[in-house]
All heavy atoms as atom14 arrays in JSON, in Angstrom:
{
  "sequence": "IQAIGDANAYYTAAVKSMLQSWHNFFFVAAEPGSSV",
  "atom14_mask": [
    [1, 1, 1, 1, 1, 1, 1, 1, 0, 0, 0, 0, 0, 0],
    [1, 1, 1, 1, 1, 1, 1, 1, 1, 0, 0, 0, 0, 0],
    [1, 1, 1, 1, 1, 0, 0, 0, 0, 0, 0, 0, 0, 0],
    [1, 1, 1, 1, 1, 1, 1, 1, 0, 0, 0, 0, 0, 0],
    [1, 1, 1, 1, 0, 0, 0, 0, 0, 0, 0, 0, 0, 0],
    [1, 1, 1, 1, 1, 1, 1, 1, 0, 0, 0, 0, 0, 0],
    [1, 1, 1, 1, 1, 0, 0, 0, 0, 0, 0, 0, 0, 0],
    [1, 1, 1, 1, 1, 1, 1, 1, 0, 0, 0, 0, 0, 0],
    [1, 1, 1, 1, 1, 0, 0, 0, 0, 0, 0, 0, 0, 0],
    [1, 1, 1, 1, 1, 1, 1, 1, 1, 1, 1, 1, 0, 0],
    [1, 1, 1, 1, 1, 1, 1, 1, 1, 1, 1, 1, 0, 0],
    [1, 1, 1, 1, 1, 1, 1, 0, 0, 0, 0, 0, 0, 0],
    [1, 1, 1, 1, 1, 0, 0, 0, 0, 0, 0, 0, 0, 0],
    [1, 1, 1, 1, 1, 0, 0, 0, 0, 0, 0, 0, 0, 0],
    [1, 1, 1, 1, 1, 1, 1, 0, 0, 0, 0, 0, 0, 0],
    [1, 1, 1, 1, 1, 1, 1, 1, 1, 0, 0, 0, 0, 0],
    [1, 1, 1, 1, 1, 1, 0, 0, 0, 0, 0, 0, 0, 0],
    [1, 1, 1, 1, 1, 1, 1, 1, 0, 0, 0, 0, 0, 0],
    [1, 1, 1, 1, 1, 1, 1, 1, 0, 0, 0, 0, 0, 0],
    [1, 1, 1, 1, 1, 1, 1, 1, 1, 0, 0, 0, 0, 0],
    [1, 1, 1, 1, 1, 1, 0, 0, 0, 0, 0, 0, 0, 0],
    [1, 1, 1, 1, 1, 1, 1, 1, 1, 1, 1, 1, 1, 1],
    [1, 1, 1, 1, 1, 1, 1, 1, 1, 1, 0, 0, 0, 0],
    [1, 1, 1, 1, 1, 1, 1, 1, 0, 0, 0, 0, 0, 0],
    [1, 1, 1, 1, 1, 1, 1, 1, 1, 1, 1, 0, 0, 0],
    [1, 1, 1, 1, 1, 1, 1, 1, 1, 1, 1, 0, 0, 0],
    [1, 1, 1, 1, 1, 1, 1, 1, 1, 1, 1, 0, 0, 0],
    [1, 1, 1, 1, 1, 1, 1, 0, 0, 0, 0, 0, 0, 0],
    [1, 1, 1, 1, 1, 0, 0, 0, 0, 0, 0, 0, 0, 0],
    [1, 1, 1, 1, 1, 0, 0, 0, 0, 0, 0, 0, 0, 0],
    [1, 1, 1, 1, 1, 1, 1, 1, 1, 0, 0, 0, 0, 0],
    [1, 1, 1, 1, 1, 1, 1, 0, 0, 0, 0, 0, 0, 0],
    [1, 1, 1, 1, 0, 0, 0, 0, 0, 0, 0, 0, 0, 0],
    [1, 1, 1, 1, 1, 1, 0, 0, 0, 0, 0, 0, 0, 0],
    [1, 1, 1, 1, 1, 1, 0, 0, 0, 0, 0, 0, 0, 0],
    [1, 1, 1, 1, 1, 1, 1, 0, 0, 0, 0, 0, 0, 0]
  ],
  "atom14_positions": [
    [[15.41, -33.9, 17.1], [15.46, -32.71, 16.24], [15.87, -31.45, 17.0], [16.47, -30.54, 16.43], [14.11, -32.51, 15.5], [14.26, -31.54, 14.34], [13.03, -32.06, 16.44], [15.05, -32.05, 13.19], [0.0, 0.0, 0.0], [0.0, 0.0, 0.0], [0.0, 0.0, 0.0], [0.0, 0.0, 0.0], [0.0, 0.0, 0.0], [0.0, 0.0, 0.0]],
    [[15.59, -31.39, 18.3], [15.95, -30.19, 19.07], [17.46, -30.02, 19.18], [17.94, -28.92, 19.46], [15.3, -30.21, 20.46], [15.84, -31.26, 21.39], [15.2, -32.63, 21.23], [14.43, -32.87, 20.31], [15.55, -33.55, 22.11], [0.0, 0.0, 0.0], [0.0, 0.0, 0.0], [0.0, 0.0, 0.0], [0.0, 0.0, 0.0], [0.0, 0.0, 0.0]],
    [[18.22, -31.06, 18.9], [19.68, -30.98, 19.0], [20.31, -30.13, 17.89], [21.47, -29.75, 18.0], [20.3, -32.38, 18.97], [0.0, 0.0, 0.0], [0.0, 0.0, 0.0], [0.0, 0.0, 0.0], [0.0, 0.0, 0.0], [0.0, 0.0, 0.0], [0.0, 0.0, 0.0], [0.0, 0.0, 0.0], [0.0, 0.0, 0.0], [0.0, 0.0, 0.0]],
    [[19.55, -29.8, 16.84], [20.15, -29.02, 15.76], [20.29, -27.55, 16.13], [21.02, -26.82, 15.47], [19.37, -29.15, 14.43], [17.96, -28.59, 14.55], [19.37, -30.56, 13.95], [17.24, -28.54, 13.22], [0.0, 0.0, 0.0], [0.0, 0.0, 0.0], [0.0, 0.0, 0.0], [0.0, 0.0, 0.0], [0.0, 0.0, 0.0], [0.0, 0.0, 0.0]],
    [[19.62, -27.11, 17.19], [19.75, -25.72, 17.63], [19.34, -24.75, 16.53], [18.26, -24.85, 15.98], [0.0, 0.0, 0.0], [0.0, 0.0, 0.0], [0.0, 0.0, 0.0], [0.0, 0.0, 0.0], [0.0, 0.0, 0.0], [0.0, 0.0, 0.0], [0.0, 0.0, 0.0], [0.0, 0.0, 0.0], [0.0, 0.0, 0.0], [0.0, 0.0, 0.0]],
    [[20.22, -23.82, 16.2], [19.95, -22.85, 15.13], [20.44, -23.35, 13.78], [20.53, -22.56, 12.84], [20.61, -21.51, 15.45], [19.78, -20.68, 16.4], [18.58, -20.96, 16.52], [20.34, -19.76, 17.02], [0.0, 0.0, 0.0], [0.0, 0.0, 0.0], [0.0, 0.0, 0.0], [0.0, 0.0, 0.0], [0.0, 0.0, 0.0], [0.0, 0.0, 0.0]],
    [[20.79, -24.62, 13.68], [21.34, -25.19, 12.45], [22.62, -24.43, 12.11], [23.44, -24.2, 12.98], [20.33, -25.18, 11.33], [0.0, 0.0, 0.0], [0.0, 0.0, 0.0], [0.0, 0.0, 0.0], [0.0, 0.0, 0.0], [0.0, 0.0, 0.0], [0.0, 0.0, 0.0], [0.0, 0.0, 0.0], [0.0, 0.0, 0.0], [0.0, 0.0, 0.0]],
    [[22.81, -24.02, 10.88], [23.97, -23.21, 10.51], [23.6, -21.75, 10.83], [22.75, -21.16, 10.17], [24.27, -23.39, 9.03], [25.52, -22.69, 8.6], [25.82, -21.59, 9.06], [26.25, -23.31, 7.68], [0.0, 0.0, 0.0], [0.0, 0.0, 0.0], [0.0, 0.0, 0.0], [0.0, 0.0, 0.0], [0.0, 0.0, 0.0], [0.0, 0.0, 0.0]],
    [[24.23, -21.2, 11.83], [23.85, -19.87, 12.33], [23.96, -18.79, 11.24], [23.18, -17.82, 11.23], [24.7, -19.5, 13.53], [0.0, 0.0, 0.0], [0.0, 0.0, 0.0], [0.0, 0.0, 0.0], [0.0, 0.0, 0.0], [0.0, 0.0, 0.0], [0.0, 0.0, 0.0], [0.0, 0.0, 0.0], [0.0, 0.0, 0.0], [0.0, 0.0, 0.0]],
    [[24.89, -18.93, 10.34], [25.07, -17.94, 9.27], [23.82, -17.86, 8.38], [23.3, -16.79, 8.11], [26.31, -18.3, 8.44], [26.54, -17.43, 7.23], [26.93, -16.1, 7.37], [26.36, -17.94, 5.95], [27.15, -15.31, 6.27], [26.59, -17.16, 4.84], [26.98, -15.84, 5.0], [27.2, -15.05, 3.9], [0.0, 0.0, 0.0], [0.0, 0.0, 0.0]],
    [[23.34, -19.03, 7.95], [22.17, -19.04, 7.07], [20.89, -18.72, 7.84], [19.97, -18.12, 7.3], [22.05, -20.38, 6.34], [23.21, -20.62, 5.42], [24.05, -21.7, 5.58], [23.49, -19.73, 4.38], [25.12, -21.91, 4.73], [24.57, -19.93, 3.54], [25.37, -21.02, 3.72], [26.45, -21.22, 2.89], [0.0, 0.0, 0.0], [0.0, 0.0, 0.0]],
    [[20.83, -19.09, 9.12], [19.67, -18.73, 9.93], [19.61, -17.23, 10.11], [18.52, -16.62, 10.01], [19.72, -19.44, 11.29], [19.83, -20.85, 11.07], [18.48, -19.16, 12.11], [0.0, 0.0, 0.0], [0.0, 0.0, 0.0], [0.0, 0.0, 0.0], [0.0, 0.0, 0.0], [0.0, 0.0, 0.0], [0.0, 0.0, 0.0], [0.0, 0.0, 0.0]],
    [[20.74, -16.58, 10.33], [20.77, -15.12, 10.43], [20.38, -14.47, 9.1], [19.69, -13.45, 9.08], [22.15, -14.65, 10.87], [0.0, 0.0, 0.0], [0.0, 0.0, 0.0], [0.0, 0.0, 0.0], [0.0, 0.0, 0.0], [0.0, 0.0, 0.0], [0.0, 0.0, 0.0], [0.0, 0.0, 0.0], [0.0, 0.0, 0.0], [0.0, 0.0, 0.0]],
    [[20.8, -15.06, 8.01], [20.43, -14.54, 6.69], [18.92, -14.64, 6.48], [18.29, -13.7, 5.96], [21.17, -15.29, 5.59], [0.0, 0.0, 0.0], [0.0, 0.0, 0.0], [0.0, 0.0, 0.0], [0.0, 0.0, 0.0], [0.0, 0.0, 0.0], [0.0, 0.0, 0.0], [0.0, 0.0, 0.0], [0.0, 0.0, 0.0], [0.0, 0.0, 0.0]],
    [[18.32, -15.74, 6.89], [16.87, -15.9, 6.76], [16.16, -14.85, 7.62], [15.18, -14.24, 7.18], [16.44, -17.33, 7.14], [14.95, -17.43, 7.35], [16.9, -18.32, 6.08], [0.0, 0.0, 0.0], [0.0, 0.0, 0.0], [0.0, 0.0, 0.0], [0.0, 0.0, 0.0], [0.0, 0.0, 0.0], [0.0, 0.0, 0.0], [0.0, 0.0, 0.0]],
    [[16.66, -14.63, 8.81], [16.06, -13.6, 9.68], [16.16, -12.22, 9.02], [15.21, -11.43, 9.05], [16.78, -13.59, 11.03], [16.18, -12.65, 12.04], [16.86, -12.79, 13.38], [16.21, -11.87, 14.4], [16.86, -11.99, 15.71], [0.0, 0.0, 0.0], [0.0, 0.0, 0.0], [0.0, 0.0, 0.0], [0.0, 0.0, 0.0], [0.0, 0.0, 0.0]],
    [[17.3, -11.93, 8.42], [17.47, -10.67, 7.71], [16.55, -10.57, 6.51], [15.98, -9.52, 6.23], [18.93, -10.53, 7.26], [19.08, -9.46, 6.37], [0.0, 0.0, 0.0], [0.0, 0.0, 0.0], [0.0, 0.0, 0.0], [0.0, 0.0, 0.0], [0.0, 0.0, 0.0], [0.0, 0.0, 0.0], [0.0, 0.0, 0.0], [0.0, 0.0, 0.0]],
    [[16.37, -11.67, 5.8], [15.52, -11.68, 4.61], [14.06, -11.37, 4.95], [13.33, -10.82, 4.12], [15.6, -13.04, 3.91], [16.93, -13.29, 3.24], [17.14, -15.0, 2.72], [15.81, -15.17, 1.55], [0.0, 0.0, 0.0], [0.0, 0.0, 0.0], [0.0, 0.0, 0.0], [0.0, 0.0, 0.0], [0.0, 0.0, 0.0], [0.0, 0.0, 0.0]],
    [[13.65, -11.72, 6.16], [12.26, -11.49, 6.55], [12.0, -10.05, 6.99], [10.86, -9.7, 7.27], [11.87, -12.46, 7.67], [11.83, -13.93, 7.27], [11.5, -14.8, 8.47], [10.83, -14.16, 6.15], [0.0, 0.0, 0.0], [0.0, 0.0, 0.0], [0.0, 0.0, 0.0], [0.0, 0.0, 0.0], [0.0, 0.0, 0.0], [0.0, 0.0, 0.0]],
    [[13.01, -9.22, 7.01], [12.83, -7.84, 7.46], [12.34, -6.91, 6.36], [11.76, -5.87, 6.65], [14.11, -7.32, 8.09], [14.43, -8.05, 9.37], [15.7, -7.56, 10.02], [16.39, -6.7, 9.5], [16.02, -8.13, 11.17], [0.0, 0.0, 0.0], [0.0, 0.0, 0.0], [0.0, 0.0, 0.0], [0.0, 0.0, 0.0], [0.0, 0.0, 0.0]],
    [[12.6, -7.22, 5.1], [12.09, -6.39, 3.99], [12.1, -7.2, 2.7], [12.83, -8.19, 2.57], [12.94, -5.13, 3.82], [14.18, -5.43, 3.23], [0.0, 0.0, 0.0], [0.0, 0.0, 0.0], [0.0, 0.0, 0.0], [0.0, 0.0, 0.0], [0.0, 0.0, 0.0], [0.0, 0.0, 0.0], [0.0, 0.0, 0.0], [0.0, 0.0, 0.0]],
    [[11.28, -6.74, 1.75], [11.25, -7.41, 0.45], [12.58, -7.26, -0.27], [13.02, -8.16, -1.0], [10.12, -6.85, -0.43], [8.79, -7.39, -0.04], [7.79, -6.71, 0.6], [8.32, -8.71, -0.22], [6.72, -7.55, 0.82], [7.02, -8.78, 0.32], [8.85, -9.86, -0.78], [6.26, -9.94, 0.3], [8.1, -11.01, -0.8], [6.82, -11.04, -0.26]],
    [[13.24, -6.15, -0.1], [14.55, -5.93, -0.71], [15.54, -6.97, -0.19], [16.28, -7.59, -0.98], [15.03, -4.51, -0.4], [16.35, -4.18, -1.03], [17.54, -4.4, -0.4], [16.65, -3.66, -2.25], [18.53, -4.02, -1.2], [18.02, -3.57, -2.32], [0.0, 0.0, 0.0], [0.0, 0.0, 0.0], [0.0, 0.0, 0.0], [0.0, 0.0, 0.0]],
    [[15.58, -7.15, 1.11], [16.47, -8.16, 1.7], [16.1, -9.56, 1.22], [16.98, -10.38, 0.96], [16.4, -8.11, 3.22], [17.04, -6.87, 3.8], [17.5, -6.0, 3.07], [17.06, -6.79, 5.11], [0.0, 0.0, 0.0], [0.0, 0.0, 0.0], [0.0, 0.0, 0.0], [0.0, 0.0, 0.0], [0.0, 0.0, 0.0], [0.0, 0.0, 0.0]],
    [[14.8, -9.83, 1.11], [14.34, -11.14, 0.67], [14.78, -11.4, -0.76], [15.35, -12.44, -1.06], [12.81, -11.22, 0.78], [12.24, -12.54, 0.35], [12.22, -13.61, 1.22], [11.73, -12.7, -0.93], [11.69, -14.83, 0.84], [11.2, -13.92, -1.32], [11.19, -14.99, -0.44], [0.0, 0.0, 0.0], [0.0, 0.0, 0.0], [0.0, 0.0, 0.0]],
    [[14.52, -10.47, -1.64], [14.83, -10.67, -3.06], [16.32, -10.83, -3.3], [16.75, -11.68, -4.08], [14.27, -9.52, -3.9], [14.49, -9.72, -5.37], [13.74, -10.64, -6.08], [15.48, -9.01, -6.04], [13.95, -10.85, -7.43], [15.7, -9.21, -7.39], [14.93, -10.14, -8.09], [0.0, 0.0, 0.0], [0.0, 0.0, 0.0], [0.0, 0.0, 0.0]],
    [[17.13, -10.0, -2.63], [18.57, -10.04, -2.86], [19.31, -10.97, -1.89], [20.53, -11.01, -1.88], [19.16, -8.63, -2.8], [18.75, -7.79, -3.97], [17.81, -6.79, -3.83], [19.29, -8.02, -5.22], [17.42, -6.02, -4.92], [18.92, -7.26, -6.31], [17.97, -6.26, -6.16], [0.0, 0.0, 0.0], [0.0, 0.0, 0.0], [0.0, 0.0, 0.0]],
    [[18.59, -11.71, -1.08], [19.15, -12.67, -0.13], [20.25, -12.0, 0.71], [21.4, -12.42, 0.72], [19.68, -13.94, -0.85], [19.99, -15.04, 0.14], [18.69, -14.43, -1.88], [0.0, 0.0, 0.0], [0.0, 0.0, 0.0], [0.0, 0.0, 0.0], [0.0, 0.0, 0.0], [0.0, 0.0, 0.0], [0.0, 0.0, 0.0], [0.0, 0.0, 0.0]],
    [[19.83, -10.95, 1.41], [20.77, -10.18, 2.22], [21.22, -10.99, 3.42], [20.41, -11.6, 4.12], [20.12, -8.88, 2.67], [0.0, 0.0, 0.0], [0.0, 0.0, 0.0], [0.0, 0.0, 0.0], [0.0, 0.0, 0.0], [0.0, 0.0, 0.0], [0.0, 0.0, 0.0], [0.0, 0.0, 0.0], [0.0, 0.0, 0.0], [0.0, 0.0, 0.0]],
    [[22.51, -10.98, 3.67], [23.07, -11.72, 4.8], [22.94, -10.96, 6.11], [23.1, -11.54, 7.17], [24.54, -12.04, 4.54], [0.0, 0.0, 0.0], [0.0, 0.0, 0.0], [0.0, 0.0, 0.0], [0.0, 0.0, 0.0], [0.0, 0.0, 0.0], [0.0, 0.0, 0.0], [0.0, 0.0, 0.0], [0.0, 0.0, 0.0], [0.0, 0.0, 0.0]],
    [[22.65, -9.67, 6.04], [22.52, -8.86, 7.25], [21.47, -7.77, 7.01], [21.15, -7.47, 5.86], [23.88, -8.27, 7.66], [24.72, -7.71, 6.54], [24.34, -6.3, 6.14], [23.93, -5.49, 6.98], [24.44, -6.01, 4.95], [0.0, 0.0, 0.0], [0.0, 0.0, 0.0], [0.0, 0.0, 0.0], [0.0, 0.0, 0.0], [0.0, 0.0, 0.0]],
    [[20.9, -7.22, 8.05], [19.77, -6.3, 7.91], [20.04, -5.06, 7.05], [19.13, -4.53, 6.43], [19.45, -5.9, 9.35], [19.98, -7.01, 10.18], [21.17, -7.53, 9.45], [0.0, 0.0, 0.0], [0.0, 0.0, 0.0], [0.0, 0.0, 0.0], [0.0, 0.0, 0.0], [0.0, 0.0, 0.0], [0.0, 0.0, 0.0], [0.0, 0.0, 0.0]],
    [[21.27, -4.61, 6.98], [21.59, -3.44, 6.16], [21.61, -3.74, 4.68], [21.72, -2.84, 3.85], [0.0, 0.0, 0.0], [0.0, 0.0, 0.0], [0.0, 0.0, 0.0], [0.0, 0.0, 0.0], [0.0, 0.0, 0.0], [0.0, 0.0, 0.0], [0.0, 0.0, 0.0], [0.0, 0.0, 0.0], [0.0, 0.0, 0.0], [0.0, 0.0, 0.0]],
    [[21.55, -4.98, 4.34], [21.54, -5.51, 2.97], [22.72, -5.04, 2.12], [22.6, -4.8, 0.94], [20.21, -5.23, 2.26], [20.04, -3.87, 2.0], [0.0, 0.0, 0.0], [0.0, 0.0, 0.0], [0.0, 0.0, 0.0], [0.0, 0.0, 0.0], [0.0, 0.0, 0.0], [0.0, 0.0, 0.0], [0.0, 0.0, 0.0], [0.0, 0.0, 0.0]],
    [[23.87, -4.93, 2.76], [25.07, -4.57, 2.0], [25.86, -5.8, 1.57], [26.76, -5.69, 0.75], [25.96, -3.64, 2.84], [26.37, -4.3, 4.01], [0.0, 0.0, 0.0], [0.0, 0.0, 0.0], [0.0, 0.0, 0.0], [0.0, 0.0, 0.0], [0.0, 0.0, 0.0], [0.0, 0.0, 0.0], [0.0, 0.0, 0.0], [0.0, 0.0, 0.0]],
    [[25.52, -6.96, 2.12], [26.21, -8.2, 1.79], [25.15, -9.26, 1.46], [24.16, -9.38, 2.16], [27.06, -8.69, 2.99], [27.74, -10.0, 2.67], [28.07, -7.65, 3.39], [0.0, 0.0, 0.0], [0.0, 0.0, 0.0], [0.0, 0.0, 0.0], [0.0, 0.0, 0.0], [0.0, 0.0, 0.0], [0.0, 0.0, 0.0], [0.0, 0.0, 0.0]]
  ]
}
């Protein structure tokens, strides 16, 4: 299982961004500024 690394880095970054605020979480923000 350790071979998967960060899995799909795009979606992992989106999950990290989503955990920064409820706004990002609700709108599934792809980046911390929640513009995408």
